[in-house]
Amino acid sequence: MLLSLAVAVAGTGAASAQAQPATAPFDAQGYRTAAFRAPVDRDPAPAAAISVAGARALARGAALFIDVLPAEGGRRDPDSGIWTLANPHETIPGALWFPETGRSPPDPVLWQALTARVALFRRRHRFAPIVVFCRADCWMSWNAARRLASQGIRHVRWLAEGIEGWHDSGARLVPATPVPDHP
């Protein structure tokens, strides 16, 4: 009797687990929504991938570098838009750090701050590239690069190797401060 009850309970658990669909890591538009630190196996089109060597060459001219790495343990004051960091972060020299903007869906306030800065850059540098990055094997930069390009921003490049690839190539990193989401 006890064995029959155990089998019945185990069977019920398996049936209910099968009835609940697994959460997919991608939304209907193909953006990654969970488990962001994983190998990226998709083309970021309409954005284009760029190598570390290509990004280093662009860093010598008019290009906008955007870091979308989350502020690990940090928090943003919604009134001022200023971040308080738990841990320091280093990035590519000259890059603007917009934490959390690679999530899907992105926080509308944070995404608007990023796109406003891109629009400001575009007014001065109409055809210059925009290089989006995070860490190696991170979907957040893929999401952000693809989203920018999908919204009609031209010349968006995705640096898959991210901060680690930049540093591993012998290039230096500098301390970063998040861009406030409003002035």
C-alpha atoms as a PDB file:
ATOM      1  CA  MET A   1       0.000   0.000   0.000  1.00  0.00           C
ATOM      2  CA  LEU A   2       2.784   2.421   0.969  1.00  0.00           C
ATOM      3  CA  LEU A   3       4.710   1.555  -2.208  1.00  0.00           C
ATOM      4  CA  SER A   4       1.583   2.161  -4.339  1.00  0.00           C
ATOM      5  CA  LEU A   5       1.062   5.544  -2.684  1.00  0.00           C
ATOM      6  CA  ALA A   6       4.705   6.516  -3.319  1.00  0.00           C
ATOM      7  CA  VAL A   7       4.429   5.527  -6.994  1.00  0.00           C
ATOM      8  CA  ALA A   8       1.165   7.461  -7.329  1.00  0.00           C
ATOM      9  CA  VAL A   9       2.672  10.593  -5.751  1.00  0.00           C
ATOM     10  CA  ALA A  10       5.822  10.337  -7.872  1.00  0.00           C
ATOM     11  CA  GLY A  11       3.713   9.873 -10.992  1.00  0.00           C
ATOM     12  CA  THR A  12       1.565  12.889 -10.130  1.00  0.00           C
ATOM     13  CA  GLY A  13       4.640  15.068  -9.655  1.00  0.00           C
ATOM     14  CA  ALA A  14       6.036  14.029 -13.018  1.00  0.00           C
ATOM     15  CA  ALA A  15       2.729  14.677 -14.734  1.00  0.00           C
ATOM     16  CA  SER A  16       2.386  18.147 -13.222  1.00  0.00           C
ATOM     17  CA  ALA A  17       5.990  18.977 -14.126  1.00  0.00           C
ATOM     18  CA  GLN A  18       5.283  17.981 -17.728  1.00  0.00           C
ATOM     19  CA  ALA A  19       2.097  20.069 -17.787  1.00  0.00           C
ATOM     20  CA  GLN A  20       4.013  23.257 -16.924  1.00  0.00           C
ATOM     21  CA  PRO A  21       5.998  24.511 -19.937  1.00  0.00           C
ATOM     22  CA  ALA A  22       9.695  25.245 -19.450  1.00  0.00           C
ATOM     23  CA  THR A  23      10.665  28.894 -19.568  1.00  0.00           C
ATOM     24  CA  ALA A  24      12.382  29.636 -22.849  1.00  0.00           C
ATOM     25  CA  PRO A  25      15.456  31.885 -22.710  1.00  0.00           C
ATOM     26  CA  PHE A  26      14.266  33.904 -25.739  1.00  0.00           C
ATOM     27  CA  ASP A  27      11.258  36.155 -26.312  1.00  0.00           C
ATOM     28  CA  ALA A  28       9.103  36.216 -29.456  1.00  0.00           C
ATOM     29  CA  GLN A  29      11.476  38.707 -31.136  1.00  0.00           C
ATOM     30  CA  GLY A  30      14.496  36.478 -30.495  1.00  0.00           C
ATOM     31  CA  TYR A  31      16.103  38.486 -27.651  1.00  0.00           C
ATOM     32  CA  ARG A  32      17.623  36.540 -24.772  1.00  0.00           C
ATOM     33  CA  THR A  33      15.594  37.018 -21.571  1.00  0.00           C
ATOM     34  CA  ALA A  34      17.472  34.832 -19.059  1.00  0.00           C
ATOM     35  CA  ALA A  35      20.808  33.117 -18.444  1.00  0.00           C
ATOM     36  CA  PHE A  36      22.699  35.948 -20.154  1.00  0.00           C
ATOM     37  CA  ARG A  37      26.172  34.520 -19.449  1.00  0.00           C
ATOM     38  CA  ALA A  38      26.294  31.787 -22.047  1.00  0.00           C
ATOM     39  CA  PRO A  39      27.974  31.273 -25.408  1.00  0.00           C
ATOM     40  CA  VAL A  40      26.306  33.402 -28.073  1.00  0.00           C
ATOM     41  CA  ASP A  41      25.513  31.340 -31.147  1.00  0.00           C
ATOM     42  CA  ARG A  42      23.450  33.775 -33.233  1.00  0.00           C
ATOM     43  CA  ASP A  43      24.160  36.557 -35.681  1.00  0.00           C
ATOM     44  CA  PRO A  44      23.208  39.974 -34.216  1.00  0.00           C
ATOM     45  CA  ALA A  45      21.681  41.148 -37.525  1.00  0.00           C
ATOM     46  CA  PRO A  46      20.781  43.822 -38.369  1.00  0.00           C
ATOM     47  CA  ALA A  47      23.841  44.787 -36.265  1.00  0.00           C
ATOM     48  CA  ALA A  48      27.172  43.366 -37.409  1.00  0.00           C
ATOM     49  CA  ALA A  49      29.871  41.636 -35.407  1.00  0.00           C
ATOM     50  CA  ILE A  50      33.270  43.297 -35.117  1.00  0.00           C
ATOM     51  CA  SER A  51      36.601  41.797 -34.105  1.00  0.00           C
ATOM     52  CA  VAL A  52      38.746  43.140 -31.285  1.00  0.00           C
ATOM     53  CA  ALA A  53      41.293  44.322 -33.858  1.00  0.00           C
ATOM     54  CA  GLY A  54      38.530  46.122 -35.760  1.00  0.00           C
ATOM     55  CA  ALA A  55      37.223  47.729 -32.563  1.00  0.00           C
ATOM     56  CA  ARG A  56      40.723  48.839 -31.567  1.00  0.00           C
ATOM     57  CA  ALA A  57      41.121  50.493 -34.960  1.00  0.00           C
ATOM     58  CA  LEU A  58      37.793  52.308 -34.512  1.00  0.00           C
ATOM     59  CA  ALA A  59      38.822  53.527 -31.052  1.00  0.00           C
ATOM     60  CA  ARG A  60      41.340  55.826 -32.738  1.00  0.00           C
ATOM     61  CA  GLY A  61      38.595  57.751 -34.548  1.00  0.00           C
ATOM     62  CA  ALA A  62      35.028  58.927 -34.163  1.00  0.00           C
ATOM     63  CA  ALA A  63      33.166  55.925 -32.786  1.00  0.00           C
ATOM     64  CA  LEU A  64      30.815  55.536 -29.860  1.00  0.00           C
ATOM     65  CA  PHE A  65      31.605  52.648 -27.520  1.00  0.00           C
ATOM     66  CA  ILE A  66      28.734  51.523 -25.296  1.00  0.00           C
ATOM     67  CA  ASP A  67      29.244  49.170 -22.351  1.00  0.00           C
ATOM     68  CA  VAL A  68      26.016  47.453 -21.208  1.00  0.00           C
ATOM     69  CA  LEU A  69      27.441  45.330 -18.389  1.00  0.00           C
ATOM     70  CA  PRO A  70      25.091  45.206 -15.389  1.00  0.00           C
ATOM     71  CA  ALA A  71      26.158  47.082 -12.253  1.00  0.00           C
ATOM     72  CA  GLU A  72      26.641  43.939 -10.186  1.00  0.00           C
ATOM     73  CA  GLY A  73      25.238  44.634  -6.747  1.00  0.00           C
ATOM     74  CA  GLY A  74      24.680  48.273  -7.675  1.00  0.00           C
ATOM     75  CA  ARG A  75      21.456  50.196  -7.508  1.00  0.00           C
ATOM     76  CA  ARG A  76      20.049  53.222  -9.282  1.00  0.00           C
ATOM     77  CA  ASP A  77      18.314  56.088  -7.512  1.00  0.00           C
ATOM     78  CA  PRO A  78      15.097  56.582  -9.514  1.00  0.00           C
ATOM     79  CA  ASP A  79      14.921  60.286  -8.596  1.00  0.00           C
ATOM     80  CA  SER A  80      18.438  61.289  -9.643  1.00  0.00           C
ATOM     81  CA  GLY A  81      19.216  58.480 -12.096  1.00  0.00           C
ATOM     82  CA  ILE A  82      22.600  58.062 -10.394  1.00  0.00           C
ATOM     83  CA  TRP A  83      24.015  54.633  -9.661  1.00  0.00           C
ATOM     84  CA  THR A  84      25.554  53.534  -6.370  1.00  0.00           C
ATOM     85  CA  LEU A  85      28.029  50.766  -7.076  1.00  0.00           C
ATOM     86  CA  ALA A  86      28.842  47.757  -4.918  1.00  0.00           C
ATOM     87  CA  ASN A  87      31.865  46.864  -7.046  1.00  0.00           C
ATOM     88  CA  PRO A  88      34.159  48.904  -9.267  1.00  0.00           C
ATOM     89  CA  HIS A  89      34.047  48.285 -12.999  1.00  0.00           C
ATOM     90  CA  GLU A  90      36.649  48.840 -15.706  1.00  0.00           C
ATOM     91  CA  THR A  91      35.817  49.395 -19.334  1.00  0.00           C
ATOM     92  CA  ILE A  92      37.260  50.401 -22.690  1.00  0.00           C
ATOM     93  CA  PRO A  93      38.702  53.946 -22.611  1.00  0.00           C
ATOM     94  CA  GLY A  94      36.121  56.472 -23.779  1.00  0.00           C
ATOM     95  CA  ALA A  95      33.200  54.044 -23.502  1.00  0.00           C
ATOM     96  CA  LEU A  96      29.906  55.105 -21.996  1.00  0.00           C
ATOM     97  CA  TRP A  97      28.542  52.657 -19.425  1.00  0.00           C
ATOM     98  CA  PHE A  98      24.791  52.098 -19.526  1.00  0.00           C
ATOM     99  CA  PRO A  99      24.224  49.285 -16.994  1.00  0.00           C
ATOM    100  CA  GLU A 100      21.324  46.901 -17.463  1.00  0.00           C
ATOM    101  CA  THR A 101      20.387  48.098 -20.969  1.00  0.00           C
ATOM    102  CA  GLY A 102      21.099  44.694 -22.480  1.00  0.00           C
ATOM    103  CA  ARG A 103      18.266  42.996 -20.646  1.00  0.00           C
ATOM    104  CA  SER A 104      15.155  41.970 -22.498  1.00  0.00           C
ATOM    105  CA  PRO A 105      12.870  43.654 -22.180  1.00  0.00           C
ATOM    106  CA  PRO A 106      15.018  46.662 -21.266  1.00  0.00           C
ATOM    107  CA  ASP A 107      13.920  49.057 -18.555  1.00  0.00           C
ATOM    108  CA  PRO A 108      12.234  51.865 -20.555  1.00  0.00           C
ATOM    109  CA  VAL A 109      13.945  54.658 -18.580  1.00  0.00           C
ATOM    110  CA  LEU A 110      17.399  53.139 -19.011  1.00  0.00           C
ATOM    111  CA  TRP A 111      16.831  52.334 -22.694  1.00  0.00           C
ATOM    112  CA  GLN A 112      15.596  55.862 -23.372  1.00  0.00           C
ATOM    113  CA  ALA A 113      18.773  57.277 -21.771  1.00  0.00           C
ATOM    114  CA  LEU A 114      20.933  55.097 -24.006  1.00  0.00           C
ATOM    115  CA  THR A 115      19.044  55.950 -27.198  1.00  0.00           C
ATOM    116  CA  ALA A 116      19.076  59.670 -26.349  1.00  0.00           C
ATOM    117  CA  ARG A 117      22.871  59.533 -26.044  1.00  0.00           C
ATOM    118  CA  VAL A 118      23.105  57.636 -29.344  1.00  0.00           C
ATOM    119  CA  ALA A 119      20.910  60.306 -31.004  1.00  0.00           C
ATOM    120  CA  LEU A 120      23.157  63.059 -29.639  1.00  0.00           C
ATOM    121  CA  PHE A 121      26.225  61.247 -30.998  1.00  0.00           C
ATOM    122  CA  ARG A 122      24.506  60.760 -34.375  1.00  0.00           C
ATOM    123  CA  ARG A 123      23.871  64.493 -34.736  1.00  0.00           C
ATOM    124  CA  ARG A 124      27.624  65.081 -34.606  1.00  0.00           C
ATOM    125  CA  HIS A 125      28.837  61.881 -36.277  1.00  0.00           C
ATOM    126  CA  ARG A 126      26.224  60.792 -38.768  1.00  0.00           C
ATOM    127  CA  PHE A 127      27.991  57.715 -40.157  1.00  0.00           C
ATOM    128  CA  ALA A 128      30.366  56.786 -37.347  1.00  0.00           C
ATOM    129  CA  PRO A 129      30.134  53.292 -35.924  1.00  0.00           C
ATOM    130  CA  ILE A 130      28.594  52.432 -32.580  1.00  0.00           C
ATOM    131  CA  VAL A 131      30.298  49.527 -30.816  1.00  0.00           C
ATOM    132  CA  VAL A 132      28.264  47.707 -28.168  1.00  0.00           C
ATOM    133  CA  PHE A 133      29.934  45.331 -25.738  1.00  0.00           C
ATOM    134  CA  CYS A 134      29.745  43.641 -22.361  1.00  0.00           C
ATOM    135  CA  ARG A 135      31.717  40.541 -21.399  1.00  0.00           C
ATOM    136  CA  ALA A 136      32.675  37.576 -23.501  1.00  0.00           C
ATOM    137  CA  ASP A 137      29.860  35.026 -23.754  1.00  0.00           C
ATOM    138  CA  CYS A 138      27.233  37.563 -22.736  1.00  0.00           C
ATOM    139  CA  TRP A 139      23.910  37.999 -24.471  1.00  0.00           C
ATOM    140  CA  MET A 140      23.300  41.463 -23.055  1.00  0.00           C
ATOM    141  CA  SER A 141      25.550  43.190 -25.576  1.00  0.00           C
ATOM    142  CA  TRP A 142      24.068  41.054 -28.356  1.00  0.00           C
ATOM    143  CA  ASN A 143      20.564  42.116 -27.266  1.00  0.00           C
ATOM    144  CA  ALA A 144      21.487  45.806 -27.074  1.00  0.00           C
ATOM    145  CA  ALA A 145      23.360  45.880 -30.401  1.00  0.00           C
ATOM    146  CA  ARG A 146      20.567  44.056 -32.195  1.00  0.00           C
ATOM    147  CA  ARG A 147      17.876  46.228 -30.590  1.00  0.00           C
ATOM    148  CA  LEU A 148      19.647  49.482 -31.568  1.00  0.00           C
ATOM    149  CA  ALA A 149      20.094  48.320 -35.154  1.00  0.00           C
ATOM    150  CA  SER A 150      16.503  47.041 -35.296  1.00  0.00           C
ATOM    151  CA  GLN A 151      15.329  50.506 -34.268  1.00  0.00           C
ATOM    152  CA  GLY A 152      16.978  51.985 -37.351  1.00  0.00           C
ATOM    153  CA  ILE A 153      20.350  53.006 -35.916  1.00  0.00           C
ATOM    154  CA  ARG A 154      22.929  52.437 -38.641  1.00  0.00           C
ATOM    155  CA  HIS A 155      26.495  51.164 -38.318  1.00  0.00           C
ATOM    156  CA  VAL A 156      25.958  49.276 -35.043  1.00  0.00           C
ATOM    157  CA  ARG A 157      28.719  46.792 -34.273  1.00  0.00           C
ATOM    158  CA  TRP A 158      28.724  44.050 -31.639  1.00  0.00           C
ATOM    159  CA  LEU A 159      32.033  43.218 -29.932  1.00  0.00           C
ATOM    160  CA  ALA A 160      31.466  39.590 -28.913  1.00  0.00           C
ATOM    161  CA  GLU A 161      34.787  39.272 -27.068  1.00  0.00           C
ATOM    162  CA  GLY A 162      33.809  42.186 -24.847  1.00  0.00           C
ATOM    163  CA  ILE A 163      35.920  43.654 -22.103  1.00  0.00           C
ATOM    164  CA  GLU A 164      37.969  40.480 -21.666  1.00  0.00           C
ATOM    165  CA  GLY A 165      38.842  40.299 -25.364  1.00  0.00           C
ATOM    166  CA  TRP A 166      39.839  43.954 -25.375  1.00  0.00           C
ATOM    167  CA  HIS A 167      42.099  43.508 -22.352  1.00  0.00           C
ATOM    168  CA  ASP A 168      43.511  40.178 -23.592  1.00  0.00           C
ATOM    169  CA  SER A 169      44.590  41.939 -26.808  1.00  0.00           C
ATOM    170  CA  GLY A 170      46.925  44.126 -24.751  1.00  0.00           C
ATOM    171  CA  ALA A 171      44.673  47.180 -24.634  1.00  0.00           C
ATOM    172  CA  ARG A 172      44.122  48.922 -21.331  1.00  0.00           C
ATOM    173  CA  LEU A 173      40.923  49.330 -19.356  1.00  0.00           C
ATOM    174  CA  VAL A 174      39.913  52.350 -17.300  1.00  0.00           C
ATOM    175  CA  PRO A 175      37.579  52.848 -14.308  1.00  0.00           C
ATOM    176  CA  ALA A 176      33.967  53.340 -15.364  1.00  0.00           C
ATOM    177  CA  THR A 177      31.116  55.369 -13.960  1.00  0.00           C
ATOM    178  CA  PRO A 178      27.548  54.619 -15.114  1.00  0.00           C
ATOM    179  CA  VAL A 179      25.864  57.298 -17.197  1.00  0.00           C
ATOM    180  CA  PRO A 180      22.911  58.688 -15.196  1.00  0.00           C
ATOM    181  CA  ASP A 181      19.598  57.960 -16.882  1.00  0.00           C
ATOM    182  CA  HIS A 182      18.573  61.628 -16.729  1.00  0.00           C
ATOM    183  CA  PRO A 183      20.427  64.919 -16.227  1.00  0.00           C
END
